[in-house]
Protein backbone atom coordinates (compact mmCIF):
# COMPACT_ATOMS: atom_id res chain seq x y z
CA MET A 1 104.34 142.47 70.82
CA THR A 2 103.08 140.16 68.06
CA CYS A 3 102.57 141.38 64.49
CA THR A 4 98.74 141.11 64.89
CA LEU A 5 98.74 143.04 68.18
CA ARG A 6 101.03 145.69 66.71
CA LYS A 7 98.73 146.11 63.70
CA TYR A 8 95.58 146.45 65.85
CA ALA A 9 97.33 148.93 68.14
CA GLN A 10 98.63 151.01 65.21
CA ASP A 11 95.19 151.01 63.55
CA ALA A 12 93.54 152.20 66.77
CA MET A 13 96.18 154.92 67.32
CA ALA A 14 95.81 156.10 63.71
CA LYS A 15 92.00 156.26 64.06
CA ALA A 16 92.25 158.13 67.38
CA MET A 17 94.86 160.58 66.04
CA GLN A 18 92.89 161.41 62.89
CA SER A 19 89.48 161.70 64.61
CA GLY A 20 90.55 163.32 67.84
CA GLU A 21 88.36 160.87 69.76
CA ALA A 22 88.88 157.67 71.72
CA ALA A 23 89.27 154.55 69.60
CA LEU A 24 89.02 150.85 70.31
CA SER A 25 91.41 148.25 68.97
CA GLY A 26 90.37 144.96 67.49
CA LYS A 27 90.33 141.78 69.55
CA ILE A 28 93.68 140.95 71.16
CA THR A 29 94.87 138.23 73.52
CA LEU A 30 96.00 139.42 76.95
CA VAL A 31 98.31 137.38 79.13
CA GLN A 32 98.65 137.90 82.86
CA GLU A 33 100.52 136.26 85.69
CA TYR A 34 103.14 134.50 83.58
CA ASP A 35 101.00 132.94 80.87
CA LYS A 36 98.14 132.03 83.22
CA ASP A 37 94.48 133.09 82.87
CA ILE A 38 94.75 133.96 79.16
CA GLN A 39 91.78 136.10 78.03
CA ALA A 40 90.56 138.01 75.02
CA GLY A 41 90.51 141.77 75.40
CA PHE A 42 90.87 145.12 73.71
CA LEU A 43 92.78 148.42 73.93
CA MET A 44 91.36 151.93 74.12
CA TYR A 45 93.45 154.88 72.88
CA LEU A 46 92.92 158.60 73.48
CA PRO A 47 95.11 161.07 71.54
CA VAL A 48 97.20 163.80 73.20
CA TYR A 49 98.10 166.84 71.08
CA LYS A 50 100.50 169.75 71.45
CA LYS A 51 99.02 172.55 73.50
CA GLY A 52 97.51 175.34 71.38
CA SER A 53 97.67 173.31 68.16
CA ASN A 54 95.17 173.73 65.32
CA LEU A 55 93.04 170.54 65.25
CA ASP A 56 90.55 171.45 62.52
CA ASN A 57 91.34 168.53 60.24
CA SER A 58 93.01 165.13 60.34
CA ARG A 59 96.25 166.45 58.77
CA ASP A 60 96.62 169.13 61.46
CA ARG A 61 95.89 166.57 64.14
CA ALA A 62 98.53 164.18 62.72
CA LEU A 63 101.16 166.96 62.73
CA SER A 64 100.26 167.99 66.30
CA ILE A 65 100.20 164.54 67.91
CA GLN A 66 102.41 164.15 70.98
CA GLY A 67 101.32 160.73 72.17
CA PHE A 68 98.45 158.65 73.49
CA VAL A 69 96.84 157.66 76.75
CA TYR A 70 95.71 154.08 76.52
CA ALA A 71 94.29 151.28 78.66
CA ALA A 72 94.08 147.52 78.19
CA PHE A 73 90.87 145.69 79.20
CA ARG A 74 90.33 141.99 79.80
CA ALA A 75 86.81 141.20 78.55
CA ASN A 76 85.90 138.39 81.00
CA ASP A 77 87.09 140.25 84.10
CA LEU A 78 85.39 143.47 82.95
CA MET A 79 81.95 141.94 82.26
CA ASP A 80 81.91 139.59 85.25
CA GLY A 81 82.88 142.44 87.55
CA ILE A 82 80.08 144.72 86.31
CA LEU A 83 77.20 142.32 85.62
CA GLY A 84 77.93 139.60 88.18
CA THR A 85 74.75 137.43 88.38
CA MET A 86 72.40 140.27 87.41
CA PHE A 87 70.89 138.36 84.44
CA PRO A 88 71.27 134.65 85.22
CA GLU A 89 68.90 133.41 82.49
CA ILE A 90 70.35 135.53 79.66
CA ASN A 91 73.26 134.01 77.82
CA PHE A 92 74.94 136.60 75.64
CA GLU A 93 78.13 136.90 73.62
CA ILE A 94 80.14 139.89 72.42
CA TYR A 95 81.99 139.74 69.08
CA ASP A 96 84.55 142.19 67.76
CA GLY A 97 83.27 143.59 64.46
CA ASP A 98 79.87 143.29 62.72
CA PHE A 99 79.97 139.56 62.08
CA VAL A 100 79.84 136.48 64.28
CA SER A 101 82.67 133.91 64.21
CA LYS A 102 84.68 131.84 66.63
CA GLU A 103 87.85 133.83 65.85
CA ASN A 104 86.47 137.25 66.88
CA ILE A 105 84.54 136.42 70.06
CA LEU A 106 85.39 138.76 72.97
CA TYR A 107 83.10 137.50 75.72
CA ASP A 108 80.70 134.62 76.44
CA SER A 109 78.51 134.81 79.56
CA SER A 110 77.81 131.08 79.65
CA ILE A 111 80.09 128.10 79.50
CA LYS A 112 77.10 125.85 78.61
CA HIS A 113 76.06 125.79 74.98
CA GLN A 114 73.66 122.84 74.78
CA ASN A 115 70.13 123.48 73.40
CA ILE A 116 70.59 127.26 73.41
CA ASN A 117 68.91 129.26 70.67
CA ILE A 118 69.77 132.69 69.30
CA TYR A 119 67.06 135.07 70.30
CA LYS A 120 68.35 138.50 69.34
CA LYS A 121 71.41 140.13 67.67
CA THR A 122 72.29 143.84 67.90
CA ASN A 123 75.32 146.18 67.40
CA ILE A 124 77.09 148.85 69.50
CA THR A 125 79.34 151.36 67.69
CA MET A 126 81.97 153.69 69.13
CA ASN A 127 84.03 155.92 66.82
CA GLU A 128 83.45 153.67 63.84
CA HIS A 129 84.36 150.50 65.79
CA THR A 130 81.55 147.97 66.09
CA TRP A 131 80.76 145.24 68.61
CA THR A 132 78.08 142.63 67.86
CA LEU A 133 75.92 141.40 70.79
CA VAL A 134 74.19 138.02 70.46
CA PHE A 135 71.54 137.03 73.04
CA LYS A 136 70.66 133.35 73.61
CA THR A 137 68.21 131.54 75.89
CA ASN A 138 66.40 128.24 76.18
CA SER A 139 63.66 129.59 78.46
CA VAL A 140 62.37 132.65 76.62
CA LEU A 141 59.05 130.95 75.83
CA GLY A 142 58.40 129.96 79.42
CA SER A 143 55.91 132.17 81.16
CA GLU A 144 58.04 132.37 84.27
CA ASN A 145 60.95 133.91 82.21
CA ILE A 146 58.96 136.17 79.88
CA TYR A 147 60.49 139.23 81.55
CA ILE A 148 63.79 138.45 79.77
CA ILE A 149 62.38 140.05 76.61
CA PHE A 150 62.24 143.37 78.41
CA LEU A 151 65.64 143.08 80.04
CA ILE A 152 67.64 142.84 76.79
CA PRO A 153 67.35 146.59 76.01
CA SER A 154 68.48 147.31 79.55
CA LEU A 155 71.54 145.17 79.05
CA VAL A 156 72.40 146.98 75.80
CA LEU A 157 72.03 150.31 77.65
CA ILE A 158 74.30 149.07 80.44
CA LEU A 159 77.02 148.04 77.95
CA THR A 160 76.79 151.41 76.17
CA LEU A 161 77.04 153.17 79.53
CA LEU A 162 80.04 150.96 80.35
CA LEU A 163 81.94 152.19 77.27
CA TYR A 164 81.05 155.78 78.17
CA LEU A 165 82.42 155.29 81.71
CA LEU A 166 85.59 153.71 80.35
CA LEU A 167 86.03 156.70 78.04
CA ASN A 168 85.57 159.16 80.92
CA SER A 169 88.08 157.19 82.97
CA LEU A 170 90.54 157.44 80.12
CA ILE A 171 89.92 161.20 79.77
CA GLU A 172 90.68 161.69 83.46
CA THR A 173 93.79 159.60 82.96
CA LYS A 174 94.66 161.85 80.03
CA GLU A 175 94.34 164.99 82.15
CA ASN A 176 96.52 163.46 84.85
CA ALA A 177 98.96 162.27 82.21
CA LEU A 178 99.17 165.78 80.73
CA LYS A 179 99.96 167.22 84.15
CA ILE A 180 102.62 164.57 84.71
CA ALA A 181 103.94 165.14 81.20
CA SER A 182 104.10 168.88 81.79
CA LYS A 183 106.21 168.37 84.91
CA ALA A 184 108.33 165.77 83.16
CA THR A 185 108.83 168.11 80.21
CA LYS A 186 110.13 170.83 82.51
CA LYS A 187 112.49 168.35 84.13
CA LEU A 188 113.51 167.04 80.71
CA HIS A 189 114.15 170.58 79.50
CA THR A 190 116.35 171.20 82.54
CA SER A 191 118.16 167.90 81.95
CA GLU A 192 118.66 168.73 78.28
CA GLU A 193 120.15 172.09 79.20
CA ARG A 194 122.47 170.43 81.70
CA LEU A 195 123.45 167.77 79.14
CA ARG A 196 124.06 170.39 76.46
CA PHE A 197 126.15 172.43 78.88
CA ALA A 198 128.15 169.32 79.85
CA LEU A 199 128.71 168.19 76.27
CA GLU A 200 129.62 171.59 74.90
CA GLY A 201 131.75 172.23 77.97
CA ALA A 202 133.64 169.07 77.03
CA GLY A 203 134.10 170.44 73.52
CA ASP A 204 131.37 168.42 71.78
CA GLY A 205 128.99 169.95 69.25
CA LEU A 206 125.33 168.92 69.14
CA TRP A 207 122.95 168.32 66.24
CA ASP A 208 119.21 167.62 66.08
CA TRP A 209 117.76 166.18 62.87
CA ASN A 210 114.09 166.18 61.86
CA LEU A 211 113.92 163.21 59.52
CA LYS A 212 110.50 164.25 58.16
CA THR A 213 111.61 167.71 56.98
CA ASN A 214 115.40 167.08 56.82
CA GLU A 215 115.93 170.19 58.92
CA ILE A 216 118.96 169.98 61.20
CA PHE A 217 119.80 172.12 64.18
CA PHE A 218 123.55 172.65 64.65
CA SER A 219 124.65 173.97 68.05
CA LYS A 220 126.91 176.99 68.38
CA ARG A 221 129.80 174.80 69.49
CA TRP A 222 129.23 172.46 66.52
CA LYS A 223 129.74 175.36 64.12
CA GLU A 224 132.64 176.86 66.07
CA MET A 225 134.42 173.51 65.87
CA LEU A 226 134.59 173.93 62.09
CA GLY A 227 135.36 177.64 62.17
CA PHE A 228 131.85 178.88 61.26
CA LYS A 229 129.72 181.53 62.90
CA GLU A 230 126.15 180.76 63.94
CA ASP A 231 124.59 182.28 60.79
CA GLU A 232 127.03 180.75 58.28
CA LEU A 233 125.52 177.29 57.82
CA ASP A 234 122.05 176.38 56.60
CA SER A 235 119.98 174.07 58.78
CA ASN A 236 119.41 171.23 56.31
CA LEU A 237 120.76 167.84 55.34
CA ASP A 238 122.37 169.09 52.13
CA GLU A 239 124.61 171.38 54.17
CA TRP A 240 125.73 168.42 56.24
CA ASN A 241 126.42 166.26 53.20
CA LYS A 242 128.49 169.02 51.57
CA ILE A 243 131.00 169.21 54.42
CA VAL A 244 131.54 165.44 54.85
CA HIS A 245 134.64 164.25 52.98
CA PRO A 246 133.56 162.59 49.69
CA GLU A 247 135.55 159.43 50.48
CA ASP A 248 133.74 159.06 53.84
CA LEU A 249 130.18 160.00 52.82
CA GLU A 250 129.10 156.55 51.63
CA GLN A 251 130.05 154.87 54.91
CA VAL A 252 128.45 157.67 56.95
CA ASN A 253 125.14 157.19 55.13
CA ALA A 254 125.42 153.41 55.45
CA ASP A 255 125.92 153.63 59.24
CA ILE A 256 123.00 156.07 59.61
CA ALA A 257 120.75 153.80 57.53
CA ALA A 258 121.77 150.80 59.66
CA HIS A 259 120.65 152.61 62.82
CA ILE A 260 117.39 153.82 61.27
CA GLU A 261 116.61 150.25 60.15
CA GLY A 262 117.27 148.94 63.66
CA LYS A 263 120.46 147.06 62.74
CA SER A 264 122.52 148.98 65.31
CA ASP A 265 121.62 150.35 68.75
CA VAL A 266 123.34 153.68 68.07
CA TYR A 267 124.80 155.48 65.10
CA LYS A 268 128.57 155.86 65.35
CA ASN A 269 131.09 156.85 62.69
CA GLU A 270 134.53 158.45 62.43
CA HIS A 271 134.94 160.66 59.37
CA ARG A 272 136.41 163.88 58.04
CA VAL A 273 134.48 167.15 57.75
CA LYS A 274 135.47 170.29 55.87
CA CYS A 275 136.17 173.41 57.92
CA LYS A 276 135.54 176.99 56.80
CA ASP A 277 139.20 177.33 55.73
CA ASN A 278 138.81 174.19 53.52
CA SER A 279 140.97 172.08 55.82
CA TYR A 280 139.55 168.84 57.21
CA LYS A 281 139.03 167.68 60.77
CA TRP A 282 138.44 164.16 62.00
CA ILE A 283 135.29 163.89 64.11
CA LEU A 284 133.59 161.13 66.05
CA ASP A 285 129.91 161.36 65.12
CA ARG A 286 127.36 159.67 67.38
CA GLY A 287 123.57 159.73 67.22
CA LEU A 288 120.37 158.12 68.41
CA ILE A 289 116.77 158.06 67.18
CA VAL A 290 114.71 159.54 70.02
CA SER A 291 111.20 159.45 68.52
CA ARG A 292 109.28 157.48 65.91
CA ASP A 293 105.90 157.84 64.22
CA ILE A 294 103.01 155.49 64.96
CA ASP A 295 104.01 153.41 61.94
CA GLY A 296 107.52 153.00 63.36
CA SER A 297 109.21 155.42 60.95
CA PRO A 298 111.81 157.69 62.61
CA ILE A 299 110.91 161.31 63.32
CA ARG A 300 113.84 162.73 65.25
CA MET A 301 117.50 161.84 65.65
CA VAL A 302 119.94 163.69 67.90
CA GLY A 303 123.69 163.37 68.26
CA SER A 304 127.06 164.94 68.88
CA HIS A 305 130.36 165.67 67.16
CA SER A 306 133.67 165.23 68.98
CA ASP A 307 136.91 166.55 67.51
CA ILE A 308 139.28 163.56 67.36
CA SER A 309 141.81 165.06 64.93
CA GLU A 310 144.76 164.81 67.34
CA ARG A 311 143.92 161.22 68.27
CA LYS A 312 143.38 160.33 64.63
CA GLN A 313 146.67 161.90 63.57
CA SER A 314 148.44 159.94 66.30
CA GLN A 315 146.63 156.80 65.17
CA LEU A 316 147.60 157.42 61.55
CA LYS A 317 151.23 157.95 62.58
CA ILE A 318 151.17 154.72 64.55
CA GLU A 319 149.69 152.91 61.54
CA GLU A 320 152.43 154.38 59.35
CA TYR A 321 155.08 153.27 61.85
CA MET A 322 153.50 149.80 61.90
CA ARG A 323 153.64 149.67 58.09
CA ILE A 324 157.33 150.64 58.21
CA ILE A 325 157.98 148.01 60.87
CA ASP A 326 156.02 145.39 58.92
CA LYS A 327 158.02 146.16 55.80
CA ASN A 328 161.46 146.26 57.43
CA VAL A 329 161.40 144.10 60.56
CA ILE A 330 161.51 140.34 60.05
CA SER A 331 158.99 139.17 62.62
CA SER A 332 156.50 136.39 63.18
CA THR A 333 154.25 134.99 65.87
CA THR A 334 153.51 131.32 66.47
CA ASP A 335 151.09 129.46 68.70
CA LEU A 336 152.27 127.10 71.41
CA HIS A 337 152.82 124.34 68.86
CA GLY A 338 154.94 126.38 66.45
CA LYS A 339 152.22 127.18 63.91
CA ILE A 340 152.63 130.62 62.36
CA THR A 341 149.76 133.00 63.24
CA LYS A 342 151.34 136.28 62.12
CA ALA A 343 154.09 137.09 59.62
CA SER A 344 155.48 140.47 58.62
CA THR A 345 155.99 141.51 55.01
CA ALA A 346 159.74 141.53 55.67
CA PHE A 347 159.55 137.88 56.78
CA CYS A 348 157.72 137.02 53.56
CA ASP A 349 160.35 138.86 51.52
CA ILE A 350 163.35 137.12 53.05
CA SER A 351 161.77 133.64 53.05
CA GLY A 352 160.24 133.88 49.56
CA TYR A 353 156.80 132.77 50.77
CA ARG A 354 153.54 134.70 50.46
CA LYS A 355 151.73 135.44 53.70
CA ASN A 356 148.94 132.96 52.96
CA GLU A 357 151.59 130.27 52.40
CA LEU A 358 153.04 130.88 55.88
CA LEU A 359 149.97 131.36 58.07
CA GLY A 360 148.85 128.11 59.65
CA LYS A 361 152.08 126.32 58.70
CA ASN A 362 154.66 125.08 61.18
CA HIS A 363 157.73 127.27 61.51
CA ASN A 364 159.93 124.42 60.33
CA ILE A 365 158.82 125.36 56.81
CA VAL A 366 161.98 127.54 56.75
CA ARG A 367 164.21 125.14 58.67
CA HIS A 368 167.58 124.44 57.05
CA LYS A 369 168.87 120.87 57.16
CA GLU A 370 172.34 122.02 58.30
CA ILE A 371 171.04 123.33 61.64
CA PRO A 372 171.28 120.48 64.18
CA GLN A 373 168.25 119.22 66.07
CA THR A 374 170.06 119.92 69.33
CA LEU A 375 169.83 123.65 68.68
CA TYR A 376 166.05 123.51 68.26
CA LYS A 377 165.73 121.33 71.34
CA GLU A 378 167.57 123.95 73.39
CA LEU A 379 165.47 126.73 71.81
CA TRP A 380 162.13 125.13 72.74
CA GLU A 381 163.26 124.27 76.27
CA THR A 382 164.24 127.90 76.80
CA ILE A 383 161.06 129.58 75.54
CA LYS A 384 158.73 127.00 77.13
CA ALA A 385 160.34 127.88 80.46
CA GLY A 386 159.29 131.50 79.88
CA ASN A 387 162.75 132.78 78.92
CA VAL A 388 164.05 134.57 75.84
CA TRP A 389 166.19 132.61 73.36
CA GLN A 390 168.74 134.41 71.21
CA GLY A 391 171.04 133.04 68.55
CA GLU A 392 172.00 132.82 64.90
CA ILE A 393 170.08 130.44 62.65
CA LYS A 394 170.45 129.45 59.05
CA ASN A 395 167.07 129.24 57.29
CA ARG A 396 165.91 127.84 53.97
CA HIS A 397 164.40 130.09 51.28
CA LYS A 398 161.39 128.86 49.27
CA ASN A 399 163.63 128.48 46.21
CA GLY A 400 166.07 126.25 48.10
CA SER A 401 168.74 128.87 48.79
CA SER A 402 169.70 129.84 52.34
CA TYR A 403 169.82 132.95 54.49
CA TRP A 404 171.05 133.72 57.99
CA VAL A 405 169.22 135.59 60.76
CA ASP A 406 170.11 136.77 64.23
CA VAL A 407 166.90 135.92 66.08
CA SER A 408 165.35 136.73 69.46
CA ILE A 409 162.31 134.63 70.45
CA SER A 410 160.17 135.77 73.39
CA PRO A 411 157.15 134.19 75.09
CA VAL A 412 153.91 136.23 75.05
CA LYS A 413 151.86 135.96 78.25
CA ASN A 414 148.28 136.82 79.17
CA GLU A 415 147.02 138.58 82.30
CA LYS A 416 147.27 135.28 84.21
CA ASP A 417 150.98 135.06 83.36
CA GLU A 418 150.27 132.08 81.08
CA ILE A 419 152.26 131.68 77.85
CA ILE A 420 149.86 132.02 74.91
CA SER A 421 152.23 132.44 71.95
CA TYR A 422 155.81 133.21 70.89
CA THR A 423 157.12 136.22 68.97
CA ALA A 424 160.35 136.14 66.98
CA ILE A 425 162.26 139.25 65.87
CA ARG A 426 165.03 138.66 63.34
CA HIS A 427 167.84 140.61 61.75
CA ASP A 428 169.21 139.57 58.38
CA ILE A 429 172.89 138.68 58.83
CA THR A 430 173.32 136.77 55.57
CA ASP A 431 176.00 139.12 54.23
CA LYS A 432 177.86 139.01 57.53
CA LYS A 433 177.75 135.20 57.60
CA ARG A 434 178.90 134.99 53.99
CA ILE A 435 181.93 137.11 54.82
CA GLU A 436 182.57 134.89 57.82
CA GLU A 437 182.15 131.77 55.70
CA LEU A 438 184.64 133.10 53.17
CA SER A 439 187.20 133.54 55.92
CA ILE A 440 186.69 130.06 57.35
CA THR A 441 185.76 128.07 54.22
CA ASP A 442 187.98 126.36 51.72
CA ARG A 443 187.10 128.00 48.41
CA LEU A 444 187.44 124.84 46.31
CA THR A 445 185.58 122.28 48.46
CA GLN A 446 183.34 124.61 50.55
CA LEU A 447 184.45 122.73 53.67
CA TYR A 448 186.04 124.37 56.72
CA ASN A 449 189.62 125.53 56.01
CA ARG A 450 192.71 124.86 58.13
CA LEU A 451 192.21 128.10 60.12
CA LYS A 452 188.69 127.17 61.21
CA LEU A 453 189.66 123.57 61.90
CA ASP A 454 192.41 124.73 64.26
CA GLU A 455 189.89 126.92 66.13
CA ILE A 456 187.34 124.11 66.52
CA PHE A 457 190.10 121.59 67.35
CA ALA A 458 191.13 123.73 70.33
CA MET A 459 187.54 123.95 71.62
CA LYS A 460 186.97 120.20 71.28
CA LEU A 461 190.22 119.46 73.17
CA ALA A 462 189.21 121.86 75.97
CA THR A 463 185.79 120.19 76.31
CA ALA A 464 187.24 116.69 76.34
CA GLY A 465 189.84 117.65 78.94
CA ARG A 466 187.38 119.48 81.22
CA TYR A 467 184.55 116.97 81.13
CA ASN A 468 186.57 113.80 80.43
CA THR A 469 184.54 113.01 77.29
CA ASN A 470 185.53 111.01 74.22
CA PHE A 471 187.01 112.80 71.23
CA SER A 472 188.67 111.38 68.08
CA VAL A 473 190.25 112.70 64.88
CA ILE A 474 190.43 111.15 61.43
CA ILE A 475 192.94 112.17 58.76
CA ILE A 476 192.10 111.10 55.20
CA ASP A 477 194.35 111.12 52.13
CA ILE A 478 193.25 110.39 48.54
CA ASP A 479 195.36 107.56 47.13
CA TYR A 480 197.50 108.33 44.06
CA PHE A 481 196.06 111.83 43.74
CA LYS A 482 199.24 113.15 42.04
CA LEU A 483 198.58 110.72 39.21
CA VAL A 484 195.23 112.43 38.53
CA ASN A 485 196.91 115.82 38.11
CA ASP A 486 199.66 114.37 35.97
CA THR A 487 197.26 112.43 33.74
CA TRP A 488 194.25 114.73 33.32
CA GLY A 489 195.53 118.06 34.59
CA HIS A 490 194.81 120.21 37.61
CA GLN A 491 191.22 120.93 36.53
CA ALA A 492 190.43 117.26 36.78
CA GLY A 493 192.21 117.17 40.13
CA ASP A 494 190.03 120.01 41.42
CA ASP A 495 186.91 118.11 40.31
CA VAL A 496 188.06 115.05 42.22
CA LEU A 497 188.68 117.15 45.36
CA ARG A 498 185.18 118.70 45.13
CA GLU A 499 183.48 115.33 44.61
CA PHE A 500 185.53 113.71 47.40
CA ALA A 501 184.52 116.54 49.79
CA GLU A 502 180.82 115.98 48.98
CA ILE A 503 181.12 112.24 49.74
CA ILE A 504 182.75 112.85 53.12
CA LYS A 505 180.38 115.69 54.09
CA ASN A 506 177.17 113.85 53.09
CA ASN A 507 178.10 110.61 54.85
CA ALA A 508 179.61 111.97 58.05
CA ARG A 509 177.39 112.38 61.10
CA GLU A 510 175.56 115.62 61.96
CA THR A 511 177.86 116.27 64.91
CA ASP A 512 181.10 115.65 62.98
CA ILE A 513 183.21 118.60 61.84
CA VAL A 514 184.66 118.06 58.34
CA GLY A 515 187.36 120.22 56.75
CA ARG A 516 190.19 120.32 54.22
CA TRP A 517 193.44 119.87 56.11
CA GLY A 518 195.65 120.68 53.12
CA GLY A 519 196.29 119.46 49.54
CA GLU A 520 194.48 116.16 49.14
CA GLU A 521 194.19 115.60 52.92
CA PHE A 522 190.96 116.01 54.90
CA LEU A 523 190.29 116.08 58.66
CA ILE A 524 187.25 114.96 60.67
CA LEU A 525 186.78 116.03 64.32
CA SER A 526 184.38 113.58 66.04
CA SER A 527 182.97 114.63 69.43
CA ASP A 528 181.72 112.05 71.92
CA THR A 529 183.36 109.32 69.82
CA ASP A 530 185.90 106.79 71.10
CA LEU A 531 188.54 105.05 68.97
CA ASP A 532 186.27 102.15 67.95
CA GLY A 533 183.53 104.56 66.89
CA ALA A 534 185.97 106.58 64.79
CA ILE A 535 187.26 103.40 63.13
CA LYS A 536 183.71 102.32 62.22
CA LEU A 537 182.97 105.75 60.74
CA SER A 538 186.24 105.61 58.76
CA GLU A 539 185.41 102.18 57.35
CA LYS A 540 182.01 103.44 56.23
CA LEU A 541 183.54 106.46 54.48
CA ARG A 542 186.32 104.36 52.89
CA GLU A 543 183.73 102.06 51.34
CA MET A 544 181.62 104.99 50.05
CA VAL A 545 184.69 106.52 48.37
CA SER A 546 185.74 103.26 46.74
CA LEU A 547 182.29 102.78 45.19
CA PHE A 548 182.12 106.29 43.67
CA ASN A 549 182.89 106.86 39.98
CA PHE A 550 184.79 110.19 39.82
CA SER A 551 184.74 112.51 36.80
CA PHE A 552 187.76 111.93 34.56
CA ALA A 553 189.53 109.80 37.20
CA GLY A 554 186.98 106.98 37.47
CA TYR A 555 187.19 104.94 40.68
CA LYS A 556 189.54 106.13 43.43
CA THR A 557 190.38 105.04 46.96
CA ALA A 558 191.49 106.75 50.17
CA SER A 559 193.54 105.88 53.26
CA PHE A 560 192.50 106.74 56.86
CA GLY A 561 194.48 107.37 60.05
CA VAL A 562 192.62 107.52 63.40
CA SER A 563 193.58 108.72 66.88
CA SER A 564 191.59 109.48 70.05
CA TYR A 565 192.03 111.84 73.01
CA HIS A 566 194.11 110.88 76.03
CA PRO A 567 194.71 113.06 79.10
CA GLY A 568 197.44 115.59 78.41
CA ASP A 569 196.91 115.53 74.63
CA ASP A 570 197.03 118.64 72.50
CA GLU A 571 196.45 119.18 68.79
CA LYS A 572 200.02 118.29 67.83
CA THR A 573 200.11 114.99 69.71
CA MET A 574 196.73 113.81 68.40
CA VAL A 575 197.54 114.80 64.81
CA LYS A 576 200.99 113.17 65.09
CA ARG A 577 199.46 109.79 66.07
CA ALA A 578 196.78 110.07 63.34
CA ASP A 579 199.48 110.94 60.76
CA GLU A 580 201.52 107.93 61.81
CA ALA A 581 198.43 105.70 61.44
CA LEU A 582 197.77 107.19 57.97
CA TYR A 583 201.40 106.47 56.96
CA ARG A 584 200.98 102.82 57.99
CA ALA A 585 197.74 102.64 55.91
CA LYS A 586 199.72 103.84 52.91
CA GLU A 587 202.59 101.41 53.63
CA ASN A 588 200.18 98.51 54.06
CA GLY A 589 198.65 98.86 50.58
CA ARG A 590 196.39 101.91 50.79
CA ASN A 591 192.53 101.89 50.73
CA ARG A 592 192.48 100.93 54.39
CA VAL A 593 191.96 102.30 57.92
CA GLU A 594 194.73 102.24 60.54
CA ALA A 595 194.41 103.29 64.20
CA GLU A 596 196.95 104.95 66.50
CA ASN A 597 199.54 103.06 68.51
CA TYR A 598 199.31 104.39 72.05
């Protein structure tokens, strides 16, 4: 319905309601058969009031209105059907209102307008609504058509009679409508009783709000739900507002206003209400506007209360558990490309990043450089295959420090069994790893100690023997180290050892295991490396050492002995050959690399 049509309809309904008589609308455009045969027309409204109501004045009639019976009329079809070719020489037009203009024409009997003169203009009025009739002819002065002068009053009478017949038809429609409405009301009453029985049987309380008077009916069950008797609550809006929790009242009113303004199809809100014993219950409040005034303003709104206290308490407990989990469980979710989509507070705490600094970033934001790429390759292959990956990972804190986590990463799948994301649950094992590191780390150089080197040595030998892979060892000794201690003291010697360890560690390969073998000797275990490869690595390290300017000691050199795995070797035999090579390097002038004799 367009704004103009709505205004004309509302004006006609208001006039009919206030007068108690049928009323015509202004000119409207009627469309039929899917936008074909568009015609001007009008609406006729007849008011229907409550039975037995006092209708002495317009105010009483407005308060007693129940609805309207109305009909829509298409002007061309109506006039052509009644008049046909009864007056072929009379061209006449009907205008809505008491003035003549192109915009308010309702009907034109002729499609020809050439050389036609206005002969007579007259008005017809029905309940303060006026039509203007304009008669035209080009033959009125001809003797053969002089009778037209006498036919015009007849035509006016016919049109007046037409409106009277339309009114009677509408009155009969009204009587039939009242009978139908009476039957429908009885059925509706029965349905309402059944609905009320069903809702209250399910434990719901009902309310019925008159928005004009602010009176509210509360059902017996509604009051019982809050511990009240039937006569213990007033039937008004203030009573309702008093029992709604103060913290919830603003949102309740906002949701009601949204429904009244047409912004929501139904009113729905979860809030707390005060019981008779001053405790509070959670209720689900739902409502719907069921009637509006002719101007569109709401008249009546009905709804129900459902006690959801148990569900709400469970929900609140779950939310509390989720807060505890969020605070204490280090978890995150990533998309299929490793971008972080969710991060717990605990994850933020351990990594040092704020949540907004993590979301949308790749998970490698916390990757530590000491964790080899091979581990991540294995991780991604596992989870992309739909399996769970578990392991210990060293991560990098925002401030550059490190922490360790025991992590389990699981794929998340949708209903089609497609992987849509990955969830990681971690446990902080930093303290545990630090204790482990203390037991396996040389305190001075922070490299692996002899105990850990022996453990890894055994594993590397087993792998080489089982799979027939290359494996080499390098023993390194700092040249003339005793002279450093004797000249500058043991503190200077410790500084040299720390600096030497950093050079070896930073220039060895990612897969090499570097440790302090004892005193000023260091050991490198090189997997998948043959003798030539170990010699090349040794030469590189020898050169890096010789170019470094040590604290106190200045420039120093080192000697290297290299051996590689042969079937039947154990730790003693490999170390023996590397030691012999190191001895030859010392004998041959130091600052050099010597390989095993096998």
